[in-house]
């Protein structure tokens, strides 16, 4: 991931070659990737905070994951299945907090967890606001492109009538306008 961040210009050029993104869609795509990256980092930090807390009333214990860990470790040699289930549970909590859904089925229990939840809520509101701004900008850009396209078509048809342009010439201009509007 660090390599992608370091070589982001190459990555953007590669993604533009594959996806043919307009700048508005590119901003939307990058912001969605940013939210996913943030959720992953927050998930890892949440686990670290829970792991460092010695309280028996922490997030893992109160949601039944600590007992699950102890009973299932003997059945799975590498522990990957257990870690992935805990990761998915924490990711579920982080995503619902960041996107401000908050179902209430999982809740922070200790002071460290509550502080982390406050941070997630604040960052989530910022991400959500930026994302909505990007979507609004994208819709506005598409609307402006459609208006310019319709204006050009109207101008072309007006010029065709006014100057009696040949049909083949009008079709070539129409194809050029459609190509330019892609």
N, C-alpha and C. Protein backbone atom coordinates (compact mmCIF):
# COMPACT_ATOMS: atom_id res chain seq x y z
N UNK A 1 0.82 -1.18 0.00
CA UNK A 1 0.00 0.00 0.00
C UNK A 1 0.87 1.25 0.00
N UNK A 2 1.97 1.20 0.73
CA UNK A 2 2.88 2.35 0.77
C UNK A 2 3.47 2.58 -0.61
N UNK A 3 3.74 1.52 -1.34
CA UNK A 3 4.28 1.66 -2.69
C UNK A 3 3.28 2.37 -3.60
N UNK A 4 1.99 2.05 -3.45
CA UNK A 4 0.95 2.71 -4.25
C UNK A 4 0.88 4.19 -3.91
N UNK A 5 0.98 4.51 -2.61
CA UNK A 5 0.95 5.92 -2.20
C UNK A 5 2.17 6.65 -2.72
N UNK A 6 3.33 5.98 -2.65
CA UNK A 6 4.58 6.59 -3.10
C UNK A 6 4.56 6.84 -4.61
N UNK A 7 4.05 5.89 -5.38
CA UNK A 7 3.99 6.01 -6.84
C UNK A 7 2.58 6.32 -7.30
N UNK A 8 1.91 7.25 -6.62
CA UNK A 8 0.49 7.51 -6.91
C UNK A 8 0.26 8.05 -8.31
N UNK A 9 1.23 8.79 -8.87
CA UNK A 9 1.04 9.30 -10.23
C UNK A 9 1.01 8.16 -11.24
N UNK A 10 1.90 7.18 -11.07
CA UNK A 10 1.88 6.00 -11.95
C UNK A 10 0.58 5.21 -11.77
N UNK A 11 0.16 5.09 -10.50
CA UNK A 11 -1.07 4.36 -10.20
C UNK A 11 -2.27 5.07 -10.83
N UNK A 12 -2.33 6.40 -10.72
CA UNK A 12 -3.43 7.16 -11.31
C UNK A 12 -3.44 7.01 -12.82
N UNK A 13 -2.25 7.06 -13.45
CA UNK A 13 -2.18 6.91 -14.91
C UNK A 13 -2.65 5.52 -15.32
N UNK A 14 -2.23 4.50 -14.57
CA UNK A 14 -2.62 3.13 -14.86
C UNK A 14 -4.13 2.95 -14.71
N UNK A 15 -4.69 3.49 -13.62
CA UNK A 15 -6.13 3.36 -13.40
C UNK A 15 -6.92 4.14 -14.46
N UNK A 16 -6.40 5.30 -14.89
CA UNK A 16 -7.08 6.06 -15.93
C UNK A 16 -7.05 5.32 -17.26
N UNK A 17 -5.95 4.61 -17.55
CA UNK A 17 -5.89 3.81 -18.77
C UNK A 17 -6.90 2.68 -18.75
N UNK A 18 -7.08 2.06 -17.59
CA UNK A 18 -8.00 0.93 -17.48
C UNK A 18 -9.46 1.40 -17.38
N UNK A 19 -9.72 2.32 -16.46
CA UNK A 19 -11.10 2.70 -16.17
C UNK A 19 -11.60 3.91 -16.96
N UNK A 20 -10.68 4.65 -17.58
CA UNK A 20 -11.06 5.86 -18.34
C UNK A 20 -11.89 6.82 -17.48
N UNK A 21 -11.35 7.16 -16.31
CA UNK A 21 -12.07 8.00 -15.36
C UNK A 21 -11.96 9.48 -15.70
N UNK A 22 -13.05 10.18 -15.57
CA UNK A 22 -13.00 11.63 -15.64
C UNK A 22 -12.48 12.14 -14.30
N UNK A 23 -12.04 13.39 -14.22
CA UNK A 23 -11.53 13.89 -12.93
C UNK A 23 -12.54 13.77 -11.79
N UNK A 24 -13.81 13.97 -12.07
CA UNK A 24 -14.82 13.86 -11.01
C UNK A 24 -14.93 12.42 -10.51
N UNK A 25 -14.98 11.45 -11.42
CA UNK A 25 -15.03 10.04 -11.02
C UNK A 25 -13.73 9.63 -10.33
N UNK A 26 -12.63 10.21 -10.76
CA UNK A 26 -11.34 9.90 -10.13
C UNK A 26 -11.36 10.36 -8.67
N UNK A 27 -11.88 11.55 -8.40
CA UNK A 27 -11.98 12.05 -7.02
C UNK A 27 -12.88 11.13 -6.20
N UNK A 28 -13.97 10.70 -6.78
CA UNK A 28 -14.89 9.80 -6.09
C UNK A 28 -14.21 8.47 -5.78
N UNK A 29 -13.50 7.91 -6.75
CA UNK A 29 -12.81 6.64 -6.59
C UNK A 29 -11.71 6.74 -5.52
N UNK A 30 -10.93 7.81 -5.58
CA UNK A 30 -9.84 8.00 -4.61
C UNK A 30 -10.41 8.20 -3.21
N UNK A 31 -11.50 8.94 -3.08
CA UNK A 31 -12.08 9.15 -1.75
C UNK A 31 -12.64 7.84 -1.19
N UNK A 32 -13.23 7.01 -2.04
CA UNK A 32 -13.73 5.71 -1.58
C UNK A 32 -12.57 4.83 -1.13
N UNK A 33 -11.47 4.83 -1.89
CA UNK A 33 -10.28 4.08 -1.46
C UNK A 33 -9.73 4.62 -0.15
N UNK A 34 -9.75 5.94 0.00
CA UNK A 34 -9.28 6.56 1.25
C UNK A 34 -10.12 6.13 2.43
N UNK A 35 -11.43 6.07 2.25
CA UNK A 35 -12.31 5.63 3.34
C UNK A 35 -12.02 4.18 3.70
N UNK A 36 -11.83 3.33 2.68
CA UNK A 36 -11.52 1.92 2.96
C UNK A 36 -10.19 1.77 3.69
N UNK A 37 -9.18 2.52 3.25
CA UNK A 37 -7.88 2.47 3.92
C UNK A 37 -7.99 2.96 5.36
N UNK A 38 -8.72 4.05 5.55
CA UNK A 38 -8.91 4.56 6.91
C UNK A 38 -9.61 3.52 7.78
N UNK A 39 -10.64 2.87 7.26
CA UNK A 39 -11.36 1.85 8.03
C UNK A 39 -10.45 0.69 8.41
N UNK A 40 -9.58 0.29 7.49
CA UNK A 40 -8.63 -0.79 7.80
C UNK A 40 -7.68 -0.37 8.93
N UNK A 41 -7.12 0.83 8.81
CA UNK A 41 -6.18 1.31 9.84
C UNK A 41 -6.91 1.46 11.18
N UNK A 42 -8.12 2.00 11.16
CA UNK A 42 -8.89 2.15 12.40
C UNK A 42 -9.22 0.80 13.01
N UNK A 43 -9.49 -0.19 12.17
CA UNK A 43 -9.76 -1.54 12.68
C UNK A 43 -8.54 -2.09 13.39
N UNK A 44 -7.38 -1.93 12.79
CA UNK A 44 -6.14 -2.40 13.43
C UNK A 44 -5.88 -1.65 14.74
N UNK A 45 -6.09 -0.32 14.73
CA UNK A 45 -5.89 0.46 15.96
C UNK A 45 -6.88 0.06 17.05
N UNK A 46 -8.11 -0.22 16.65
CA UNK A 46 -9.12 -0.65 17.62
C UNK A 46 -8.67 -1.94 18.31
N UNK A 47 -8.16 -2.87 17.53
CA UNK A 47 -7.70 -4.13 18.11
C UNK A 47 -6.52 -3.89 19.06
N UNK A 48 -5.61 -3.00 18.67
CA UNK A 48 -4.47 -2.68 19.54
C UNK A 48 -4.96 -2.07 20.85
N UNK A 49 -5.90 -1.13 20.78
CA UNK A 49 -6.42 -0.49 21.99
C UNK A 49 -7.08 -1.53 22.89
N UNK A 50 -7.86 -2.42 22.30
CA UNK A 50 -8.53 -3.46 23.09
C UNK A 50 -7.50 -4.42 23.68
N UNK A 51 -6.47 -4.75 22.92
CA UNK A 51 -5.46 -5.69 23.39
C UNK A 51 -4.63 -5.12 24.54
N UNK A 52 -4.40 -3.81 24.53
CA UNK A 52 -3.59 -3.19 25.57
C UNK A 52 -4.36 -2.98 26.88
N UNK A 53 -5.67 -2.99 26.82
CA UNK A 53 -6.50 -2.77 28.00
C UNK A 53 -6.62 -4.07 28.79
N UNK A 54 -6.35 -4.02 30.10
CA UNK A 54 -6.43 -5.21 30.95
C UNK A 54 -7.82 -5.43 31.55
N UNK A 55 -8.74 -4.56 31.25
CA UNK A 55 -10.08 -4.64 31.82
C UNK A 55 -10.81 -5.88 31.31
N UNK A 56 -11.60 -6.46 32.18
CA UNK A 56 -12.42 -7.60 31.78
C UNK A 56 -13.73 -7.14 31.13
N UNK A 57 -13.97 -5.84 31.13
CA UNK A 57 -15.19 -5.29 30.55
C UNK A 57 -14.92 -4.62 29.20
N UNK A 58 -13.85 -5.04 28.52
CA UNK A 58 -13.52 -4.41 27.25
C UNK A 58 -14.42 -4.94 26.12
N UNK A 59 -14.17 -4.44 24.96
CA UNK A 59 -15.00 -4.75 23.79
C UNK A 59 -15.00 -6.23 23.45
N UNK A 60 -13.82 -6.88 23.49
CA UNK A 60 -13.73 -8.31 23.16
C UNK A 60 -14.52 -9.16 24.16
N UNK A 61 -14.35 -8.87 25.45
CA UNK A 61 -15.04 -9.66 26.48
C UNK A 61 -16.54 -9.44 26.46
N UNK A 62 -16.96 -8.19 26.35
CA UNK A 62 -18.39 -7.90 26.43
C UNK A 62 -19.16 -8.39 25.21
N UNK A 63 -18.48 -8.61 24.11
CA UNK A 63 -19.15 -9.11 22.92
C UNK A 63 -18.88 -10.59 22.65
N UNK A 64 -18.24 -11.26 23.61
CA UNK A 64 -18.06 -12.70 23.53
C UNK A 64 -16.87 -13.17 22.69
N UNK A 65 -16.00 -12.28 22.28
CA UNK A 65 -14.89 -12.70 21.44
C UNK A 65 -13.73 -13.28 22.23
N UNK A 66 -13.55 -12.84 23.48
CA UNK A 66 -12.43 -13.36 24.28
C UNK A 66 -12.64 -14.84 24.58
N UNK A 67 -13.83 -15.22 24.98
CA UNK A 67 -14.11 -16.64 25.25
C UNK A 67 -14.05 -17.44 23.96
N UNK A 68 -14.48 -16.83 22.87
CA UNK A 68 -14.41 -17.49 21.57
C UNK A 68 -12.95 -17.76 21.20
N UNK A 69 -12.10 -16.77 21.46
CA UNK A 69 -10.67 -16.95 21.17
C UNK A 69 -10.10 -18.12 21.96
N UNK A 70 -10.40 -18.17 23.24
CA UNK A 70 -9.83 -19.21 24.10
C UNK A 70 -10.33 -20.60 23.72
N UNK A 71 -11.59 -20.72 23.34
CA UNK A 71 -12.13 -22.05 23.03
C UNK A 71 -11.76 -22.52 21.63
N UNK A 72 -11.56 -21.62 20.71
CA UNK A 72 -11.32 -22.01 19.33
C UNK A 72 -9.85 -22.13 18.96
N UNK A 73 -8.94 -21.58 19.76
CA UNK A 73 -7.52 -21.60 19.40
C UNK A 73 -7.02 -23.03 19.26
N UNK A 74 -7.48 -23.92 20.11
CA UNK A 74 -6.99 -25.29 20.04
C UNK A 74 -7.46 -26.00 18.77
N UNK A 75 -8.58 -25.56 18.19
CA UNK A 75 -9.10 -26.22 17.00
C UNK A 75 -8.45 -25.74 15.71
N UNK A 76 -7.89 -24.55 15.71
CA UNK A 76 -7.28 -23.98 14.51
C UNK A 76 -5.80 -23.73 14.77
N UNK A 77 -4.96 -24.45 14.06
CA UNK A 77 -3.51 -24.40 14.31
C UNK A 77 -2.95 -23.01 14.10
N UNK A 78 -3.27 -22.37 12.96
CA UNK A 78 -2.65 -21.09 12.66
C UNK A 78 -3.41 -19.90 13.25
N UNK A 79 -4.62 -20.06 13.68
CA UNK A 79 -5.36 -18.97 14.27
C UNK A 79 -5.89 -17.95 13.27
N UNK A 80 -5.66 -18.18 11.98
CA UNK A 80 -6.08 -17.20 10.98
C UNK A 80 -7.59 -17.01 10.97
N UNK A 81 -8.32 -18.10 11.06
CA UNK A 81 -9.79 -18.02 11.03
C UNK A 81 -10.30 -17.16 12.19
N UNK A 82 -9.72 -17.32 13.35
CA UNK A 82 -10.15 -16.58 14.53
C UNK A 82 -9.84 -15.10 14.36
N UNK A 83 -8.61 -14.80 13.94
CA UNK A 83 -8.22 -13.40 13.74
C UNK A 83 -9.09 -12.75 12.67
N UNK A 84 -9.38 -13.48 11.60
CA UNK A 84 -10.19 -12.89 10.55
C UNK A 84 -11.62 -12.63 11.03
N UNK A 85 -12.16 -13.50 11.88
CA UNK A 85 -13.51 -13.26 12.41
C UNK A 85 -13.53 -12.05 13.33
N UNK A 86 -12.51 -11.89 14.13
CA UNK A 86 -12.43 -10.71 15.00
C UNK A 86 -12.21 -9.46 14.15
N UNK A 87 -11.35 -9.56 13.12
CA UNK A 87 -11.11 -8.42 12.23
C UNK A 87 -12.41 -7.99 11.56
N UNK A 88 -13.18 -8.94 11.07
CA UNK A 88 -14.44 -8.61 10.40
C UNK A 88 -15.42 -7.98 11.39
N UNK A 89 -15.46 -8.47 12.63
CA UNK A 89 -16.36 -7.88 13.63
C UNK A 89 -15.95 -6.45 13.95
N UNK A 90 -14.65 -6.22 14.12
CA UNK A 90 -14.19 -4.85 14.40
C UNK A 90 -14.40 -3.96 13.18
N UNK A 91 -14.12 -4.49 12.00
CA UNK A 91 -14.33 -3.72 10.77
C UNK A 91 -15.81 -3.34 10.64
N UNK A 92 -16.69 -4.27 10.96
CA UNK A 92 -18.13 -3.99 10.95
C UNK A 92 -18.46 -2.82 11.86
N UNK A 93 -17.90 -2.83 13.07
CA UNK A 93 -18.15 -1.75 14.02
C UNK A 93 -17.57 -0.43 13.50
N UNK A 94 -16.35 -0.47 12.98
CA UNK A 94 -15.70 0.75 12.49
C UNK A 94 -16.47 1.34 11.32
N UNK A 95 -16.87 0.51 10.37
CA UNK A 95 -17.59 1.00 9.20
C UNK A 95 -18.93 1.61 9.61
N UNK A 96 -19.67 0.95 10.49
CA UNK A 96 -20.95 1.51 10.90
C UNK A 96 -20.76 2.79 11.71
N UNK A 97 -19.63 2.95 12.38
CA UNK A 97 -19.36 4.19 13.10
C UNK A 97 -18.92 5.29 12.15
N UNK A 98 -18.03 4.97 11.22
CA UNK A 98 -17.50 5.98 10.30
C UNK A 98 -18.59 6.50 9.37
N UNK A 99 -19.46 5.62 8.88
CA UNK A 99 -20.50 6.10 7.97
C UNK A 99 -21.76 6.53 8.73
N UNK A 100 -21.64 6.65 10.02
CA UNK A 100 -22.66 7.19 10.93
C UNK A 100 -23.97 6.40 10.94
N UNK A 101 -23.90 5.10 10.74
CA UNK A 101 -25.10 4.27 10.81
C UNK A 101 -25.36 3.92 12.28
N UNK A 102 -24.39 3.30 12.95
CA UNK A 102 -24.48 2.98 14.36
C UNK A 102 -25.70 2.17 14.75
N UNK A 103 -25.70 0.87 14.44
CA UNK A 103 -26.83 0.01 14.76
C UNK A 103 -27.02 -0.16 16.27
N UNK A 104 -25.93 -0.09 17.03
CA UNK A 104 -26.04 -0.22 18.48
C UNK A 104 -25.81 -1.62 19.00
N UNK A 105 -25.58 -2.59 18.11
CA UNK A 105 -25.37 -3.96 18.58
C UNK A 105 -23.98 -4.15 19.18
N UNK A 106 -23.01 -3.34 18.78
CA UNK A 106 -21.67 -3.35 19.36
C UNK A 106 -21.39 -1.93 19.88
N UNK A 107 -20.84 -1.85 21.08
CA UNK A 107 -20.59 -0.52 21.66
C UNK A 107 -19.27 -0.53 22.41
N UNK A 108 -18.59 0.62 22.46
CA UNK A 108 -17.35 0.70 23.24
C UNK A 108 -17.66 0.61 24.74
N UNK A 109 -16.74 -0.01 25.49
CA UNK A 109 -16.99 -0.22 26.91
C UNK A 109 -16.00 0.53 27.80
N UNK A 110 -14.74 0.63 27.40
CA UNK A 110 -13.73 1.27 28.24
C UNK A 110 -13.48 2.70 27.76
N UNK A 111 -12.72 3.45 28.57
CA UNK A 111 -12.42 4.84 28.23
C UNK A 111 -11.64 4.94 26.93
N UNK A 112 -10.65 4.08 26.75
CA UNK A 112 -9.86 4.10 25.51
C UNK A 112 -10.71 3.81 24.28
N UNK A 113 -11.62 2.86 24.43
CA UNK A 113 -12.52 2.52 23.33
C UNK A 113 -13.47 3.67 23.02
N UNK A 114 -13.94 4.33 24.06
CA UNK A 114 -14.85 5.47 23.84
C UNK A 114 -14.12 6.63 23.18
N UNK A 115 -12.88 6.87 23.58
CA UNK A 115 -12.09 7.93 22.93
C UNK A 115 -11.87 7.60 21.45
N UNK A 116 -11.55 6.35 21.17
CA UNK A 116 -11.36 5.94 19.78
C UNK A 116 -12.67 6.06 19.00
N UNK A 117 -13.78 5.72 19.63
CA UNK A 117 -15.08 5.85 18.97
C UNK A 117 -15.39 7.32 18.67
N UNK A 118 -15.07 8.22 19.59
CA UNK A 118 -15.27 9.65 19.34
C UNK A 118 -14.43 10.10 18.14
N UNK A 119 -13.19 9.66 18.09
CA UNK A 119 -12.33 10.00 16.96
C UNK A 119 -12.93 9.46 15.66
N UNK A 120 -13.40 8.23 15.69
CA UNK A 120 -14.02 7.64 14.48
C UNK A 120 -15.25 8.41 14.04
N UNK A 121 -16.05 8.85 14.99
CA UNK A 121 -17.26 9.59 14.65
C UNK A 121 -16.90 10.92 13.99
N UNK A 122 -15.93 11.63 14.56
CA UNK A 122 -15.53 12.93 13.99
C UNK A 122 -14.95 12.74 12.60
N UNK A 123 -14.05 11.79 12.45
CA UNK A 123 -13.45 11.53 11.14
C UNK A 123 -14.52 11.05 10.16
N UNK A 124 -15.45 10.24 10.66
CA UNK A 124 -16.52 9.75 9.80
C UNK A 124 -17.38 10.87 9.26
N UNK A 125 -17.68 11.84 10.08
CA UNK A 125 -18.48 12.99 9.62
C UNK A 125 -17.71 13.76 8.54
N UNK A 126 -16.40 13.93 8.74
CA UNK A 126 -15.58 14.63 7.74
C UNK A 126 -15.56 13.84 6.44
N UNK A 127 -15.29 12.54 6.51
CA UNK A 127 -15.28 11.70 5.30
C UNK A 127 -16.63 11.71 4.61
N UNK A 128 -17.68 11.60 5.39
CA UNK A 128 -19.03 11.58 4.83
C UNK A 128 -19.33 12.90 4.11
N UNK A 129 -18.95 14.00 4.73
CA UNK A 129 -19.17 15.32 4.11
C UNK A 129 -18.39 15.45 2.82
N UNK A 130 -17.12 15.05 2.83
CA UNK A 130 -16.32 15.12 1.61
C UNK A 130 -16.89 14.22 0.52
N UNK A 131 -17.31 13.04 0.89
CA UNK A 131 -17.87 12.10 -0.08
C UNK A 131 -19.14 12.65 -0.71
N UNK A 132 -20.01 13.22 0.10
CA UNK A 132 -21.24 13.82 -0.42
C UNK A 132 -20.89 15.00 -1.32
N UNK A 133 -19.88 15.77 -0.95
CA UNK A 133 -19.42 16.87 -1.80
C UNK A 133 -18.92 16.37 -3.15
N UNK A 134 -18.17 15.28 -3.13
CA UNK A 134 -17.67 14.71 -4.39
C UNK A 134 -18.81 14.22 -5.27
N UNK A 135 -19.79 13.56 -4.65
CA UNK A 135 -20.94 13.08 -5.42
C UNK A 135 -21.72 14.25 -6.01
N UNK A 136 -21.92 15.29 -5.22
CA UNK A 136 -22.61 16.48 -5.71
C UNK A 136 -21.85 17.12 -6.86
N UNK A 137 -20.54 17.19 -6.72
CA UNK A 137 -19.70 17.75 -7.79
C UNK A 137 -19.80 16.90 -9.06
N UNK A 138 -19.82 15.60 -8.88
CA UNK A 138 -19.93 14.69 -10.02
C UNK A 138 -21.26 14.88 -10.74
N UNK A 139 -22.33 14.96 -9.99
CA UNK A 139 -23.65 15.18 -10.59
C UNK A 139 -23.68 16.52 -11.32
N UNK A 140 -23.10 17.54 -10.72
CA UNK A 140 -23.06 18.86 -11.34
C UNK A 140 -22.24 18.83 -12.63
N UNK A 141 -21.11 18.13 -12.62
CA UNK A 141 -20.29 18.02 -13.83
C UNK A 141 -21.04 17.31 -14.96
N UNK A 142 -21.74 16.25 -14.63
CA UNK A 142 -22.51 15.51 -15.64
C UNK A 142 -23.62 16.39 -16.19
N UNK A 143 -24.29 17.12 -15.33
CA UNK A 143 -25.35 18.03 -15.78
C UNK A 143 -24.79 19.11 -16.71
N UNK A 144 -23.65 19.68 -16.34
CA UNK A 144 -23.03 20.70 -17.19
C UNK A 144 -22.63 20.14 -18.55
N UNK A 145 -22.10 18.92 -18.56
CA UNK A 145 -21.73 18.29 -19.83
C UNK A 145 -22.96 18.07 -20.70
N UNK A 146 -24.05 17.64 -20.11
CA UNK A 146 -25.28 17.44 -20.87
C UNK A 146 -25.82 18.75 -21.41
N UNK A 147 -25.75 19.80 -20.61
CA UNK A 147 -26.21 21.10 -21.08
C UNK A 147 -25.36 21.60 -22.26
N UNK A 148 -24.03 21.45 -22.16
CA UNK A 148 -23.15 21.87 -23.25
C UNK A 148 -23.44 21.05 -24.51
N UNK A 149 -23.66 19.75 -24.33
CA UNK A 149 -23.96 18.89 -25.46
C UNK A 149 -25.26 19.32 -26.14
N UNK A 150 -26.29 19.55 -25.33
CA UNK A 150 -27.58 19.97 -25.90
C UNK A 150 -27.47 21.34 -26.57
N UNK A 151 -26.69 22.24 -26.00
CA UNK A 151 -26.49 23.56 -26.61
C UNK A 151 -25.78 23.42 -27.96
N UNK A 152 -24.78 22.56 -28.03
CA UNK A 152 -24.06 22.35 -29.29
C UNK A 152 -24.98 21.73 -30.36
N UNK A 153 -25.81 20.76 -29.93
CA UNK A 153 -26.76 20.17 -30.88
C UNK A 153 -27.74 21.21 -31.40
N UNK A 154 -28.25 22.00 -30.49
CA UNK A 154 -29.19 23.04 -30.89
C UNK A 154 -28.53 24.03 -31.87
N UNK A 155 -27.30 24.40 -31.58
CA UNK A 155 -26.56 25.31 -32.46
C UNK A 155 -26.32 24.67 -33.82
N UNK A 156 -25.96 23.40 -33.83
CA UNK A 156 -25.72 22.70 -35.10
C UNK A 156 -26.99 22.68 -35.95
N UNK A 157 -28.12 22.33 -35.35
CA UNK A 157 -29.37 22.27 -36.11
C UNK A 157 -29.82 23.65 -36.59
N UNK A 158 -29.57 24.65 -35.76
CA UNK A 158 -29.89 26.02 -36.16
C UNK A 158 -29.04 26.45 -37.35
N UNK A 159 -27.73 26.13 -37.29
CA UNK A 159 -26.84 26.47 -38.41
C UNK A 159 -27.21 25.70 -39.68
N UNK A 160 -27.64 24.44 -39.49
CA UNK A 160 -28.04 23.64 -40.66
C UNK A 160 -29.24 24.28 -41.36
N UNK A 161 -30.21 24.72 -40.58
CA UNK A 161 -31.39 25.35 -41.19
C UNK A 161 -31.04 26.71 -41.78
N UNK A 162 -30.27 27.48 -41.04
CA UNK A 162 -29.97 28.85 -41.45
C UNK A 162 -29.12 28.90 -42.72
N UNK A 163 -28.13 28.01 -42.81
CA UNK A 163 -27.21 28.04 -43.96
C UNK A 163 -27.42 26.89 -44.93
N UNK A 164 -28.44 26.10 -44.73
CA UNK A 164 -28.75 24.96 -45.60
C UNK A 164 -27.53 24.05 -45.79
N UNK A 165 -26.97 23.63 -44.67
CA UNK A 165 -25.79 22.76 -44.72
C UNK A 165 -26.18 21.40 -45.26
N UNK A 166 -25.28 20.76 -46.02
CA UNK A 166 -25.57 19.41 -46.53
C UNK A 166 -25.71 18.41 -45.38
N UNK A 167 -26.52 17.40 -45.60
CA UNK A 167 -26.80 16.40 -44.57
C UNK A 167 -25.53 15.65 -44.16
N UNK A 168 -24.69 15.25 -45.13
CA UNK A 168 -23.47 14.49 -44.78
C UNK A 168 -22.54 15.33 -43.92
N UNK A 169 -22.47 16.64 -44.17
CA UNK A 169 -21.61 17.53 -43.38
C UNK A 169 -22.18 17.68 -41.96
N UNK A 170 -23.49 17.79 -41.86
CA UNK A 170 -24.15 17.90 -40.55
C UNK A 170 -23.93 16.62 -39.74
N UNK A 171 -24.00 15.45 -40.41
CA UNK A 171 -23.77 14.18 -39.72
C UNK A 171 -22.33 14.08 -39.21
N UNK A 172 -21.38 14.56 -40.02
CA UNK A 172 -19.97 14.53 -39.58
C UNK A 172 -19.78 15.43 -38.35
N UNK A 173 -20.38 16.60 -38.39
CA UNK A 173 -20.29 17.50 -37.23
C UNK A 173 -20.99 16.90 -36.01
N UNK A 174 -22.13 16.25 -36.24
CA UNK A 174 -22.84 15.61 -35.14
C UNK A 174 -21.99 14.50 -34.51
N UNK A 175 -21.33 13.69 -35.33
CA UNK A 175 -20.44 12.64 -34.82
C UNK A 175 -19.27 13.24 -34.04
N UNK A 176 -18.74 14.36 -34.52
CA UNK A 176 -17.65 15.03 -33.83
C UNK A 176 -18.11 15.55 -32.46
N UNK A 177 -19.31 16.10 -32.40
CA UNK A 177 -19.85 16.60 -31.13
C UNK A 177 -20.07 15.44 -30.16
N UNK A 178 -20.62 14.32 -30.66
CA UNK A 178 -20.84 13.14 -29.81
C UNK A 178 -19.51 12.59 -29.30
N UNK A 179 -18.50 12.54 -30.17
CA UNK A 179 -17.19 12.04 -29.76
C UNK A 179 -16.57 12.94 -28.70
N UNK A 180 -16.71 14.24 -28.89
CA UNK A 180 -16.14 15.19 -27.94
C UNK A 180 -16.85 15.13 -26.59
N UNK A 181 -18.08 14.72 -26.59
CA UNK A 181 -18.88 14.69 -25.35
C UNK A 181 -18.69 13.41 -24.55
N UNK A 182 -17.99 12.41 -25.07
CA UNK A 182 -17.81 11.14 -24.36
C UNK A 182 -17.10 11.29 -23.06
